[in-house]
Amino acid sequence: MEFKRVARSGQVPEGIVRRFYSEGYEFAISRLDGKAYATSNYCSHLDCLLSSGKLVQDGIGCSCHGSTFDLETGEPICPPATEPIKTYPCQERDGEIFVGIDPAEPPEGPRRRKLRATS
């Protein structure tokens, strides 16, 4: 696992979700209760951008159809999504946010678009 710098801590205020890129990876970085989280930026329901959504009590909500995902596990906690999203280890050091990336795993992207391309 390699930790890559993706943002300055101040770029992700409490209760906000923002989109960031690092080495071909696209993340939704958020902060809830003072802790930074990193997830895939695509909802598993219809590939909407999670960085366009909002944080709710214990998760990240998709702005398209209201699906909500647990920030720790990526599991859906509110339908219509039934599949989890990818989560990444996230650390803050010296005012910077770092995300753990496994170099053996390809970047997570829009799933439905990939399925259509292979059909």
PDB file of N, CA and C in Angstrom:
ATOM      1  N   MET A   1       0.845  -1.174   0.000  1.00  0.00           N
ATOM      2  CA  MET A   1       0.000   0.000   0.000  1.00  0.00           C
ATOM      3  C   MET A   1       0.894   1.242   0.000  1.00  0.00           C
ATOM      4  N   GLU A   2       0.614   2.127  -0.917  1.00  0.00           N
ATOM      5  CA  GLU A   2       1.342   3.395  -0.997  1.00  0.00           C
ATOM      6  C   GLU A   2       0.380   4.532  -0.673  1.00  0.00           C
ATOM      7  N   PHE A   3       0.815   5.442   0.194  1.00  0.00           N
ATOM      8  CA  PHE A   3      -0.012   6.601   0.522  1.00  0.00           C
ATOM      9  C   PHE A   3       0.414   7.777  -0.342  1.00  0.00           C
ATOM     10  N   LYS A   4      -0.546   8.293  -1.097  1.00  0.00           N
ATOM     11  CA  LYS A   4      -0.311   9.407  -2.014  1.00  0.00           C
ATOM     12  C   LYS A   4      -1.003  10.660  -1.492  1.00  0.00           C
ATOM     13  N   ARG A   5      -0.313  11.785  -1.590  1.00  0.00           N
ATOM     14  CA  ARG A   5      -0.913  13.057  -1.194  1.00  0.00           C
ATOM     15  C   ARG A   5      -1.964  13.428  -2.231  1.00  0.00           C
ATOM     16  N   VAL A   6      -3.176  13.772  -1.760  1.00  0.00           N
ATOM     17  CA  VAL A   6      -4.237  14.148  -2.688  1.00  0.00           C
ATOM     18  C   VAL A   6      -4.756  15.565  -2.455  1.00  0.00           C
ATOM     19  N   ALA A   7      -4.568  16.107  -1.256  1.00  0.00           N
ATOM     20  CA  ALA A   7      -5.129  17.436  -0.974  1.00  0.00           C
ATOM     21  C   ALA A   7      -4.497  18.022   0.277  1.00  0.00           C
ATOM     22  N   ARG A   8      -4.702  19.321   0.426  1.00  0.00           N
ATOM     23  CA  ARG A   8      -4.387  19.969   1.700  1.00  0.00           C
ATOM     24  C   ARG A   8      -5.586  19.783   2.618  1.00  0.00           C
ATOM     25  N   SER A   9      -5.361  19.645   3.887  1.00  0.00           N
ATOM     26  CA  SER A   9      -6.456  19.429   4.831  1.00  0.00           C
ATOM     27  C   SER A   9      -7.508  20.527   4.740  1.00  0.00           C
ATOM     28  N   GLY A  10      -7.082  21.767   4.563  1.00  0.00           N
ATOM     29  CA  GLY A  10      -8.008  22.898   4.493  1.00  0.00           C
ATOM     30  C   GLY A  10      -8.913  22.885   3.272  1.00  0.00           C
ATOM     31  N   GLN A  11      -8.602  22.071   2.270  1.00  0.00           N
ATOM     32  CA  GLN A  11      -9.447  21.991   1.083  1.00  0.00           C
ATOM     33  C   GLN A  11     -10.712  21.167   1.306  1.00  0.00           C
ATOM     34  N   VAL A  12     -10.771  20.452   2.446  1.00  0.00           N
ATOM     35  CA  VAL A  12     -11.935  19.617   2.747  1.00  0.00           C
ATOM     36  C   VAL A  12     -12.466  19.988   4.134  1.00  0.00           C
ATOM     37  N   PRO A  13     -13.312  21.025   4.197  1.00  0.00           N
ATOM     38  CA  PRO A  13     -13.875  21.421   5.482  1.00  0.00           C
ATOM     39  C   PRO A  13     -14.898  20.412   6.010  1.00  0.00           C
ATOM     40  N   GLU A  14     -15.236  20.539   7.265  1.00  0.00           N
ATOM     41  CA  GLU A  14     -16.231  19.673   7.917  1.00  0.00           C
ATOM     42  C   GLU A  14     -17.540  19.660   7.130  1.00  0.00           C
ATOM     43  N   GLY A  15     -18.060  18.438   6.908  1.00  0.00           N
ATOM     44  CA  GLY A  15     -19.352  18.272   6.261  1.00  0.00           C
ATOM     45  C   GLY A  15     -19.358  18.434   4.755  1.00  0.00           C
ATOM     46  N   ILE A  16     -18.176  18.500   4.144  1.00  0.00           N
ATOM     47  CA  ILE A  16     -18.066  18.753   2.701  1.00  0.00           C
ATOM     48  C   ILE A  16     -17.457  17.545   1.990  1.00  0.00           C
ATOM     49  N   VAL A  17     -17.880  17.335   0.735  1.00  0.00           N
ATOM     50  CA  VAL A  17     -17.298  16.313  -0.144  1.00  0.00           C
ATOM     51  C   VAL A  17     -16.692  17.030  -1.334  1.00  0.00           C
ATOM     52  N   ARG A  18     -15.473  16.662  -1.701  1.00  0.00           N
ATOM     53  CA  ARG A  18     -14.806  17.252  -2.865  1.00  0.00           C
ATOM     54  C   ARG A  18     -14.150  16.158  -3.698  1.00  0.00           C
ATOM     55  N   ARG A  19     -13.990  16.453  -4.980  1.00  0.00           N
ATOM     56  CA  ARG A  19     -13.343  15.503  -5.900  1.00  0.00           C
ATOM     57  C   ARG A  19     -11.870  15.856  -6.034  1.00  0.00           C
ATOM     58  N   PHE A  20     -11.017  14.810  -5.971  1.00  0.00           N
ATOM     59  CA  PHE A  20      -9.582  14.971  -6.153  1.00  0.00           C
ATOM     60  C   PHE A  20      -9.050  13.815  -6.994  1.00  0.00           C
ATOM     61  N   TYR A  21      -7.937  14.070  -7.660  1.00  0.00           N
ATOM     62  CA  TYR A  21      -7.286  13.080  -8.511  1.00  0.00           C
ATOM     63  C   TYR A  21      -5.857  12.867  -8.036  1.00  0.00           C
ATOM     64  N   SER A  22      -5.365  11.655  -8.234  1.00  0.00           N
ATOM     65  CA  SER A  22      -3.961  11.356  -7.983  1.00  0.00           C
ATOM     66  C   SER A  22      -3.570  10.149  -8.816  1.00  0.00           C
ATOM     67  N   GLU A  23      -2.628  10.333  -9.716  1.00  0.00           N
ATOM     68  CA  GLU A  23      -2.051   9.250 -10.508  1.00  0.00           C
ATOM     69  C   GLU A  23      -3.102   8.352 -11.160  1.00  0.00           C
ATOM     70  N   GLY A  24      -4.098   8.946 -11.798  1.00  0.00           N
ATOM     71  CA  GLY A  24      -5.124   8.189 -12.496  1.00  0.00           C
ATOM     72  C   GLY A  24      -6.304   7.767 -11.638  1.00  0.00           C
ATOM     73  N   TYR A  25      -6.232   7.986 -10.354  1.00  0.00           N
ATOM     74  CA  TYR A  25      -7.318   7.650  -9.444  1.00  0.00           C
ATOM     75  C   TYR A  25      -8.175   8.891  -9.216  1.00  0.00           C
ATOM     76  N   GLU A  26      -9.468   8.678  -9.076  1.00  0.00           N
ATOM     77  CA  GLU A  26     -10.408   9.763  -8.778  1.00  0.00           C
ATOM     78  C   GLU A  26     -11.095   9.437  -7.462  1.00  0.00           C
ATOM     79  N   PHE A  27     -11.061  10.384  -6.530  1.00  0.00           N
ATOM     80  CA  PHE A  27     -11.595  10.159  -5.189  1.00  0.00           C
ATOM     81  C   PHE A  27     -12.659  11.185  -4.831  1.00  0.00           C
ATOM     82  N   ALA A  28     -13.585  10.758  -3.979  1.00  0.00           N
ATOM     83  CA  ALA A  28     -14.453  11.678  -3.257  1.00  0.00           C
ATOM     84  C   ALA A  28     -13.853  11.748  -1.852  1.00  0.00           C
ATOM     85  N   ILE A  29     -13.310  12.897  -1.508  1.00  0.00           N
ATOM     86  CA  ILE A  29     -12.705  13.086  -0.185  1.00  0.00           C
ATOM     87  C   ILE A  29     -13.686  13.911   0.638  1.00  0.00           C
ATOM     88  N   SER A  30     -13.952  13.452   1.849  1.00  0.00           N
ATOM     89  CA  SER A  30     -14.919  14.136   2.700  1.00  0.00           C
ATOM     90  C   SER A  30     -14.396  14.208   4.126  1.00  0.00           C
ATOM     91  N   ARG A  31     -15.071  15.033   4.918  1.00  0.00           N
ATOM     92  CA  ARG A  31     -14.718  15.152   6.333  1.00  0.00           C
ATOM     93  C   ARG A  31     -16.009  15.138   7.142  1.00  0.00           C
ATOM     94  N   LEU A  32     -16.077  14.207   8.086  1.00  0.00           N
ATOM     95  CA  LEU A  32     -17.240  14.084   8.964  1.00  0.00           C
ATOM     96  C   LEU A  32     -16.745  13.876  10.383  1.00  0.00           C
ATOM     97  N   ASP A  33     -17.254  14.672  11.301  1.00  0.00           N
ATOM     98  CA  ASP A  33     -16.835  14.627  12.708  1.00  0.00           C
ATOM     99  C   ASP A  33     -15.322  14.751  12.849  1.00  0.00           C
ATOM    100  N   GLY A  34     -14.724  15.596  12.005  1.00  0.00           N
ATOM    101  CA  GLY A  34     -13.302  15.882  12.083  1.00  0.00           C
ATOM    102  C   GLY A  34     -12.392  14.891  11.384  1.00  0.00           C
ATOM    103  N   LYS A  35     -12.940  13.788  10.898  1.00  0.00           N
ATOM    104  CA  LYS A  35     -12.121  12.758  10.259  1.00  0.00           C
ATOM    105  C   LYS A  35     -12.266  12.826   8.743  1.00  0.00           C
ATOM    106  N   ALA A  36     -11.151  12.675   8.026  1.00  0.00           N
ATOM    107  CA  ALA A  36     -11.167  12.654   6.567  1.00  0.00           C
ATOM    108  C   ALA A  36     -11.394  11.221   6.077  1.00  0.00           C
ATOM    109  N   TYR A  37     -12.183  11.107   5.004  1.00  0.00           N
ATOM    110  CA  TYR A  37     -12.497   9.821   4.390  1.00  0.00           C
ATOM    111  C   TYR A  37     -12.227   9.898   2.896  1.00  0.00           C
ATOM    112  N   ALA A  38     -11.900   8.749   2.306  1.00  0.00           N
ATOM    113  CA  ALA A  38     -11.689   8.668   0.860  1.00  0.00           C
ATOM    114  C   ALA A  38     -12.490   7.490   0.313  1.00  0.00           C
ATOM    115  N   THR A  39     -13.290   7.787  -0.727  1.00  0.00           N
ATOM    116  CA  THR A  39     -14.057   6.739  -1.397  1.00  0.00           C
ATOM    117  C   THR A  39     -13.911   6.922  -2.901  1.00  0.00           C
ATOM    118  N   SER A  40     -14.393   5.921  -3.631  1.00  0.00           N
ATOM    119  CA  SER A  40     -14.553   6.080  -5.066  1.00  0.00           C
ATOM    120  C   SER A  40     -15.483   7.269  -5.286  1.00  0.00           C
ATOM    121  N   ASN A  41     -15.374   7.925  -6.405  1.00  0.00           N
ATOM    122  CA  ASN A  41     -16.229   9.081  -6.674  1.00  0.00           C
ATOM    123  C   ASN A  41     -17.499   8.706  -7.427  1.00  0.00           C
ATOM    124  N   TYR A  42     -17.736   7.413  -7.651  1.00  0.00           N
ATOM    125  CA  TYR A  42     -18.897   6.997  -8.439  1.00  0.00           C
ATOM    126  C   TYR A  42     -19.863   6.142  -7.626  1.00  0.00           C
ATOM    127  N   CYS A  43     -21.124   6.516  -7.641  1.00  0.00           N
ATOM    128  CA  CYS A  43     -22.174   5.749  -6.994  1.00  0.00           C
ATOM    129  C   CYS A  43     -22.317   4.412  -7.715  1.00  0.00           C
ATOM    130  N   SER A  44     -22.510   3.352  -6.964  1.00  0.00           N
ATOM    131  CA  SER A  44     -22.640   2.029  -7.562  1.00  0.00           C
ATOM    132  C   SER A  44     -24.009   1.804  -8.197  1.00  0.00           C
ATOM    133  N   HIS A  45     -24.930   2.714  -7.997  1.00  0.00           N
ATOM    134  CA  HIS A  45     -26.262   2.553  -8.580  1.00  0.00           C
ATOM    135  C   HIS A  45     -26.273   2.962 -10.047  1.00  0.00           C
ATOM    136  N   LEU A  46     -25.948   4.232 -10.355  1.00  0.00           N
ATOM    137  CA  LEU A  46     -25.964   4.690 -11.746  1.00  0.00           C
ATOM    138  C   LEU A  46     -24.777   5.581 -12.088  1.00  0.00           C
ATOM    139  N   ASP A  47     -23.668   5.391 -11.401  1.00  0.00           N
ATOM    140  CA  ASP A  47     -22.412   6.099 -11.706  1.00  0.00           C
ATOM    141  C   ASP A  47     -22.450   7.609 -11.497  1.00  0.00           C
ATOM    142  N   CYS A  48     -23.388   8.115 -10.731  1.00  0.00           N
ATOM    143  CA  CYS A  48     -23.391   9.556 -10.452  1.00  0.00           C
ATOM    144  C   CYS A  48     -22.173   9.904  -9.597  1.00  0.00           C
ATOM    145  N   LEU A  49     -21.725  11.150  -9.714  1.00  0.00           N
ATOM    146  CA  LEU A  49     -20.555  11.594  -8.950  1.00  0.00           C
ATOM    147  C   LEU A  49     -20.923  11.818  -7.487  1.00  0.00           C
ATOM    148  N   LEU A  50     -20.262  11.101  -6.600  1.00  0.00           N
ATOM    149  CA  LEU A  50     -20.517  11.280  -5.173  1.00  0.00           C
ATOM    150  C   LEU A  50     -20.017  12.628  -4.674  1.00  0.00           C
ATOM    151  N   SER A  51     -19.032  13.190  -5.357  1.00  0.00           N
ATOM    152  CA  SER A  51     -18.536  14.506  -4.946  1.00  0.00           C
ATOM    153  C   SER A  51     -19.576  15.598  -5.201  1.00  0.00           C
ATOM    154  N   SER A  52     -20.654  15.279  -5.918  1.00  0.00           N
ATOM    155  CA  SER A  52     -21.760  16.222  -6.100  1.00  0.00           C
ATOM    156  C   SER A  52     -22.819  16.041  -5.023  1.00  0.00           C
ATOM    157  N   GLY A  53     -22.656  15.012  -4.192  1.00  0.00           N
ATOM    158  CA  GLY A  53     -23.625  14.726  -3.145  1.00  0.00           C
ATOM    159  C   GLY A  53     -23.305  15.448  -1.852  1.00  0.00           C
ATOM    160  N   LYS A  54     -23.918  14.987  -0.791  1.00  0.00           N
ATOM    161  CA  LYS A  54     -23.742  15.600   0.524  1.00  0.00           C
ATOM    162  C   LYS A  54     -23.475  14.528   1.568  1.00  0.00           C
ATOM    163  N   LEU A  55     -22.852  14.967   2.655  1.00  0.00           N
ATOM    164  CA  LEU A  55     -22.677  14.066   3.785  1.00  0.00           C
ATOM    165  C   LEU A  55     -23.940  14.096   4.628  1.00  0.00           C
ATOM    166  N   VAL A  56     -24.327  12.923   5.094  1.00  0.00           N
ATOM    167  CA  VAL A  56     -25.462  12.800   5.998  1.00  0.00           C
ATOM    168  C   VAL A  56     -24.952  12.156   7.269  1.00  0.00           C
ATOM    169  N   GLN A  57     -25.814  11.860   8.215  1.00  0.00           N
ATOM    170  CA  GLN A  57     -25.421  11.427   9.553  1.00  0.00           C
ATOM    171  C   GLN A  57     -24.182  10.542   9.600  1.00  0.00           C
ATOM    172  N   ASP A  58     -24.164   9.472   8.858  1.00  0.00           N
ATOM    173  CA  ASP A  58     -23.021   8.556   8.951  1.00  0.00           C
ATOM    174  C   ASP A  58     -22.544   8.090   7.591  1.00  0.00           C
ATOM    175  N   GLY A  59     -22.808   8.886   6.554  1.00  0.00           N
ATOM    176  CA  GLY A  59     -22.389   8.432   5.244  1.00  0.00           C
ATOM    177  C   GLY A  59     -22.347   9.528   4.203  1.00  0.00           C
ATOM    178  N   ILE A  60     -22.073   9.077   2.990  1.00  0.00           N
ATOM    179  CA  ILE A  60     -22.013   9.973   1.847  1.00  0.00           C
ATOM    180  C   ILE A  60     -23.242   9.687   0.983  1.00  0.00           C
ATOM    181  N   GLY A  61     -23.979  10.753   0.662  1.00  0.00           N
ATOM    182  CA  GLY A  61     -25.214  10.603  -0.088  1.00  0.00           C
ATOM    183  C   GLY A  61     -25.035  11.008  -1.540  1.00  0.00           C
ATOM    184  N   CYS A  62     -25.611  10.232  -2.425  1.00  0.00           N
ATOM    185  CA  CYS A  62     -25.566  10.513  -3.852  1.00  0.00           C
ATOM    186  C   CYS A  62     -26.676  11.507  -4.203  1.00  0.00           C
ATOM    187  N   SER A  63     -26.344  12.497  -4.991  1.00  0.00           N
ATOM    188  CA  SER A  63     -27.314  13.537  -5.339  1.00  0.00           C
ATOM    189  C   SER A  63     -28.319  13.087  -6.391  1.00  0.00           C
ATOM    190  N   CYS A  64     -28.042  12.012  -7.114  1.00  0.00           N
ATOM    191  CA  CYS A  64     -28.944  11.585  -8.197  1.00  0.00           C
ATOM    192  C   CYS A  64     -30.222  10.920  -7.689  1.00  0.00           C
ATOM    193  N   HIS A  65     -30.073   9.873  -6.880  1.00  0.00           N
ATOM    194  CA  HIS A  65     -31.254   9.107  -6.472  1.00  0.00           C
ATOM    195  C   HIS A  65     -31.331   8.870  -4.972  1.00  0.00           C
ATOM    196  N   GLY A  66     -30.436   9.486  -4.200  1.00  0.00           N
ATOM    197  CA  GLY A  66     -30.531   9.418  -2.748  1.00  0.00           C
ATOM    198  C   GLY A  66     -29.854   8.241  -2.072  1.00  0.00           C
ATOM    199  N   SER A  67     -29.132   7.425  -2.816  1.00  0.00           N
ATOM    200  CA  SER A  67     -28.396   6.335  -2.165  1.00  0.00           C
ATOM    201  C   SER A  67     -27.402   6.916  -1.171  1.00  0.00           C
ATOM    202  N   THR A  68     -27.192   6.199  -0.071  1.00  0.00           N
ATOM    203  CA  THR A  68     -26.221   6.617   0.932  1.00  0.00           C
ATOM    204  C   THR A  68     -25.304   5.445   1.238  1.00  0.00           C
ATOM    205  N   PHE A  69     -24.016   5.751   1.418  1.00  0.00           N
ATOM    206  CA  PHE A  69     -23.002   4.722   1.654  1.00  0.00           C
ATOM    207  C   PHE A  69     -22.242   5.019   2.944  1.00  0.00           C
ATOM    208  N   ASP A  70     -21.919   3.966   3.680  1.00  0.00           N
ATOM    209  CA  ASP A  70     -21.111   4.080   4.891  1.00  0.00           C
ATOM    210  C   ASP A  70     -19.710   4.540   4.496  1.00  0.00           C
ATOM    211  N   LEU A  71     -19.196   5.552   5.160  1.00  0.00           N
ATOM    212  CA  LEU A  71     -17.877   6.101   4.823  1.00  0.00           C
ATOM    213  C   LEU A  71     -16.732   5.154   5.171  1.00  0.00           C
ATOM    214  N   GLU A  72     -16.924   4.313   6.170  1.00  0.00           N
ATOM    215  CA  GLU A  72     -15.862   3.382   6.586  1.00  0.00           C
ATOM    216  C   GLU A  72     -15.799   2.145   5.685  1.00  0.00           C
ATOM    217  N   THR A  73     -16.972   1.571   5.375  1.00  0.00           N
ATOM    218  CA  THR A  73     -17.006   0.289   4.682  1.00  0.00           C
ATOM    219  C   THR A  73     -17.415   0.395   3.216  1.00  0.00           C
ATOM    220  N   GLY A  74     -18.098   1.471   2.845  1.00  0.00           N
ATOM    221  CA  GLY A  74     -18.613   1.616   1.492  1.00  0.00           C
ATOM    222  C   GLY A  74     -19.943   0.921   1.272  1.00  0.00           C
ATOM    223  N   GLU A  75     -20.442   0.212   2.273  1.00  0.00           N
ATOM    224  CA  GLU A  75     -21.702  -0.516   2.137  1.00  0.00           C
ATOM    225  C   GLU A  75     -22.867   0.462   1.987  1.00  0.00           C
ATOM    226  N   PRO A  76     -23.844   0.121   1.137  1.00  0.00           N
ATOM    227  CA  PRO A  76     -25.018   0.987   1.003  1.00  0.00           C
ATOM    228  C   PRO A  76     -25.863   0.920   2.273  1.00  0.00           C
ATOM    229  N   ILE A  77     -26.276   2.075   2.771  1.00  0.00           N
ATOM    230  CA  ILE A  77     -27.116   2.110   3.969  1.00  0.00           C
ATOM    231  C   ILE A  77     -28.491   2.696   3.662  1.00  0.00           C
ATOM    232  N   CYS A  78     -28.675   3.149   2.427  1.00  0.00           N
ATOM    233  CA  CYS A  78     -29.970   3.656   1.989  1.00  0.00           C
ATOM    234  C   CYS A  78     -30.094   3.383   0.490  1.00  0.00           C
ATOM    235  N   PRO A  79     -31.206   2.746   0.064  1.00  0.00           N
ATOM    236  CA  PRO A  79     -31.367   2.429  -1.361  1.00  0.00           C
ATOM    237  C   PRO A  79     -31.574   3.693  -2.193  1.00  0.00           C
ATOM    238  N   PRO A  80     -31.488   3.568  -3.511  1.00  0.00           N
ATOM    239  CA  PRO A  80     -31.650   2.348  -4.289  1.00  0.00           C
ATOM    240  C   PRO A  80     -30.368   1.542  -4.508  1.00  0.00           C
ATOM    241  N   ALA A  81     -29.197   2.049  -4.182  1.00  0.00           N
ATOM    242  CA  ALA A  81     -27.958   1.281  -4.398  1.00  0.00           C
ATOM    243  C   ALA A  81     -27.979   0.006  -3.555  1.00  0.00           C
ATOM    244  N   THR A  82     -27.474  -1.084  -4.130  1.00  0.00           N
ATOM    245  CA  THR A  82     -27.363  -2.350  -3.409  1.00  0.00           C
ATOM    246  C   THR A  82     -25.928  -2.853  -3.359  1.00  0.00           C
ATOM    247  N   GLU A  83     -25.046  -2.271  -4.177  1.00  0.00           N
ATOM    248  CA  GLU A  83     -23.640  -2.664  -4.219  1.00  0.00           C
ATOM    249  C   GLU A  83     -22.793  -1.625  -3.483  1.00  0.00           C
ATOM    250  N   PRO A  84     -21.737  -2.046  -2.797  1.00  0.00           N
ATOM    251  CA  PRO A  84     -20.883  -1.088  -2.082  1.00  0.00           C
ATOM    252  C   PRO A  84     -20.026  -0.267  -3.043  1.00  0.00           C
ATOM    253  N   ILE A  85     -19.498   0.821  -2.528  1.00  0.00           N
ATOM    254  CA  ILE A  85     -18.505   1.620  -3.244  1.00  0.00           C
ATOM    255  C   ILE A  85     -17.139   1.297  -2.642  1.00  0.00           C
ATOM    256  N   LYS A  86     -16.097   1.608  -3.365  1.00  0.00           N
ATOM    257  CA  LYS A  86     -14.728   1.375  -2.893  1.00  0.00           C
ATOM    258  C   LYS A  86     -14.354   2.441  -1.868  1.00  0.00           C
ATOM    259  N   THR A  87     -13.758   2.011  -0.777  1.00  0.00           N
ATOM    260  CA  THR A  87     -13.212   2.941   0.214  1.00  0.00           C
ATOM    261  C   THR A  87     -11.704   2.760   0.252  1.00  0.00           C
ATOM    262  N   TYR A  88     -11.010   3.799   0.664  1.00  0.00           N
ATOM    263  CA  TYR A  88      -9.550   3.791   0.718  1.00  0.00           C
ATOM    264  C   TYR A  88      -9.097   4.267   2.093  1.00  0.00           C
ATOM    265  N   PRO A  89      -7.984   3.734   2.606  1.00  0.00           N
ATOM    266  CA  PRO A  89      -7.422   4.264   3.846  1.00  0.00           C
ATOM    267  C   PRO A  89      -7.042   5.727   3.649  1.00  0.00           C
ATOM    268  N   CYS A  90      -7.301   6.518   4.645  1.00  0.00           N
ATOM    269  CA  CYS A  90      -7.051   7.960   4.543  1.00  0.00           C
ATOM    270  C   CYS A  90      -6.320   8.422   5.801  1.00  0.00           C
ATOM    271  N   GLN A  91      -5.266   9.188   5.618  1.00  0.00           N
ATOM    272  CA  GLN A  91      -4.478   9.714   6.738  1.00  0.00           C
ATOM    273  C   GLN A  91      -4.275  11.207   6.557  1.00  0.00           C
ATOM    274  N   GLU A  92      -4.161  11.900   7.676  1.00  0.00           N
ATOM    275  CA  GLU A  92      -3.782  13.317   7.639  1.00  0.00           C
ATOM    276  C   GLU A  92      -2.484  13.489   8.397  1.00  0.00           C
ATOM    277  N   ARG A  93      -1.537  14.155   7.735  1.00  0.00           N
ATOM    278  CA  ARG A  93      -0.238  14.428   8.346  1.00  0.00           C
ATOM    279  C   ARG A  93       0.214  15.812   7.923  1.00  0.00           C
ATOM    280  N   ASP A  94       0.634  16.595   8.865  1.00  0.00           N
ATOM    281  CA  ASP A  94       1.216  17.916   8.588  1.00  0.00           C
ATOM    282  C   ASP A  94       0.347  18.758   7.652  1.00  0.00           C
ATOM    283  N   GLY A  95      -0.976  18.731   7.886  1.00  0.00           N
ATOM    284  CA  GLY A  95      -1.874  19.561   7.097  1.00  0.00           C
ATOM    285  C   GLY A  95      -2.153  19.051   5.690  1.00  0.00           C
ATOM    286  N   GLU A  96      -1.869  17.771   5.431  1.00  0.00           N
ATOM    287  CA  GLU A  96      -2.080  17.177   4.112  1.00  0.00           C
ATOM    288  C   GLU A  96      -2.921  15.908   4.264  1.00  0.00           C
ATOM    289  N   ILE A  97      -3.705  15.593   3.233  1.00  0.00           N
ATOM    290  CA  ILE A  97      -4.502  14.367   3.207  1.00  0.00           C
ATOM    291  C   ILE A  97      -3.832  13.380   2.256  1.00  0.00           C
ATOM    292  N   PHE A  98      -3.611  12.159   2.753  1.00  0.00           N
ATOM    293  CA  PHE A  98      -2.996  11.087   1.980  1.00  0.00           C
ATOM    294  C   PHE A  98      -3.984   9.931   1.864  1.00  0.00           C
ATOM    295  N   VAL A  99      -4.028   9.307   0.700  1.00  0.00           N
ATOM    296  CA  VAL A  99      -4.916   8.171   0.461  1.00  0.00           C
ATOM    297  C   VAL A  99      -4.066   6.952   0.117  1.00  0.00           C
ATOM    298  N   GLY A 100      -4.409   5.822   0.728  1.00  0.00           N
ATOM    299  CA  GLY A 100      -3.694   4.574   0.488  1.00  0.00           C
ATOM    300  C   GLY A 100      -4.170   3.898  -0.779  1.00  0.00           C
ATOM    301  N   ILE A 101      -3.235   3.649  -1.682  1.00  0.00           N
ATOM    302  CA  ILE A 101      -3.537   3.021  -2.966  1.00  0.00           C
ATOM    303  C   ILE A 101      -2.715   1.744  -3.091  1.00  0.00           C
ATOM    304  N   ASP A 102      -3.382   0.671  -3.472  1.00  0.00           N
ATOM    305  CA  ASP A 102      -2.684  -0.579  -3.760  1.00  0.00           C
ATOM    306  C   ASP A 102      -2.281  -0.537  -5.227  1.00  0.00           C
ATOM    307  N   PRO A 103      -0.982  -0.463  -5.532  1.00  0.00           N
ATOM    308  CA  PRO A 103      -0.550  -0.351  -6.926  1.00  0.00           C
ATOM    309  C   PRO A 103      -1.017  -1.505  -7.815  1.00  0.00           C
ATOM    310  N   ALA A 104      -1.376  -2.644  -7.212  1.00  0.00           N
ATOM    311  CA  ALA A 104      -1.841  -3.788  -7.995  1.00  0.00           C
ATOM    312  C   ALA A 104      -3.308  -3.650  -8.418  1.00  0.00           C
ATOM    313  N   GLU A 105      -4.046  -2.742  -7.771  1.00  0.00           N
ATOM    314  CA  GLU A 105      -5.459  -2.529  -8.110  1.00  0.00           C
ATOM    315  C   GLU A 105      -5.589  -1.388  -9.100  1.00  0.00           C
ATOM    316  N   PRO A 106      -6.334  -1.599 -10.171  1.00  0.00           N
ATOM    317  CA  PRO A 106      -6.539  -0.499 -11.118  1.00  0.00           C
ATOM    318  C   PRO A 106      -7.446   0.570 -10.504  1.00  0.00           C
ATOM    319  N   PRO A 107      -7.404   1.795 -11.009  1.00  0.00           N
ATOM    320  CA  PRO A 107      -8.286   2.848 -10.496  1.00  0.00           C
ATOM    321  C   PRO A 107      -9.753   2.454 -10.637  1.00  0.00           C
ATOM    322  N   GLU A 108     -10.540   2.809  -9.626  1.00  0.00           N
ATOM    323  CA  GLU A 108     -11.984   2.563  -9.634  1.00  0.00           C
ATOM    324  C   GLU A 108     -12.641   3.647 -10.481  1.00  0.00           C
ATOM    325  N   GLY A 109     -13.501   3.252 -11.381  1.00  0.00           N
ATOM    326  CA  GLY A 109     -14.188   4.207 -12.242  1.00  0.00           C
ATOM    327  C   GLY A 109     -15.655   3.887 -12.347  1.00  0.00           C
ATOM    328  N   PRO A 110     -16.329   4.476 -13.305  1.00  0.00           N
ATOM    329  CA  PRO A 110     -17.758   4.220 -13.477  1.00  0.00           C
ATOM    330  C   PRO A 110     -18.018   2.772 -13.898  1.00  0.00           C
ATOM    331  N   ARG A 111     -18.723   2.025 -13.096  1.00  0.00           N
ATOM    332  CA  ARG A 111     -18.954   0.599 -13.339  1.00  0.00           C
ATOM    333  C   ARG A 111     -19.895   0.349 -14.510  1.00  0.00           C
ATOM    334  N   ARG A 112     -21.008   1.062 -14.558  1.00  0.00           N
ATOM    335  CA  ARG A 112     -22.016   0.804 -15.595  1.00  0.00           C
ATOM    336  C   ARG A 112     -21.444   1.086 -16.982  1.00  0.00           C
ATOM    337  N   ARG A 113     -20.630   2.122 -17.090  1.00  0.00           N
ATOM    338  CA  ARG A 113     -20.016   2.428 -18.382  1.00  0.00           C
ATOM    339  C   ARG A 113     -19.081   1.306 -18.820  1.00  0.00           C
ATOM    340  N   LYS A 114     -18.358   0.732 -17.862  1.00  0.00           N
ATOM    341  CA  LYS A 114     -17.464  -0.391 -18.185  1.00  0.00           C
ATOM    342  C   LYS A 114     -18.270  -1.602 -18.652  1.00  0.00           C
ATOM    343  N   LEU A 115     -19.385  -1.873 -17.967  1.00  0.00           N
ATOM    344  CA  LEU A 115     -20.211  -3.021 -18.345  1.00  0.00           C
ATOM    345  C   LEU A 115     -20.788  -2.836 -19.744  1.00  0.00           C
ATOM    346  N   ARG A 116     -21.228  -1.635 -20.067  1.00  0.00           N
ATOM    347  CA  ARG A 116     -21.766  -1.365 -21.408  1.00  0.00           C
ATOM    348  C   ARG A 116     -20.702  -1.543 -22.481  1.00  0.00           C
ATOM    349  N   ALA A 117     -19.482  -1.142 -22.169  1.00  0.00           N
ATOM    350  CA  ALA A 117     -18.391  -1.218 -23.141  1.00  0.00           C
ATOM    351  C   ALA A 117     -18.013  -2.669 -23.448  1.00  0.00           C
ATOM    352  N   THR A 118     -18.201  -3.561 -22.478  1.00  0.00           N
ATOM    353  CA  THR A 118     -17.826  -4.964 -22.679  1.00  0.00           C
ATOM    354  C   THR A 118     -18.986  -5.799 -23.211  1.00  0.00           C
ATOM    355  N   SER A 119     -20.173  -5.236 -23.236  1.00  0.00           N
ATOM    356  CA  SER A 119     -21.359  -5.995 -23.700  1.00  0.00           C
ATOM    357  C   SER A 119     -21.449  -6.027 -25.197  1.00  0.00           C
TER     358      SER A 119
END
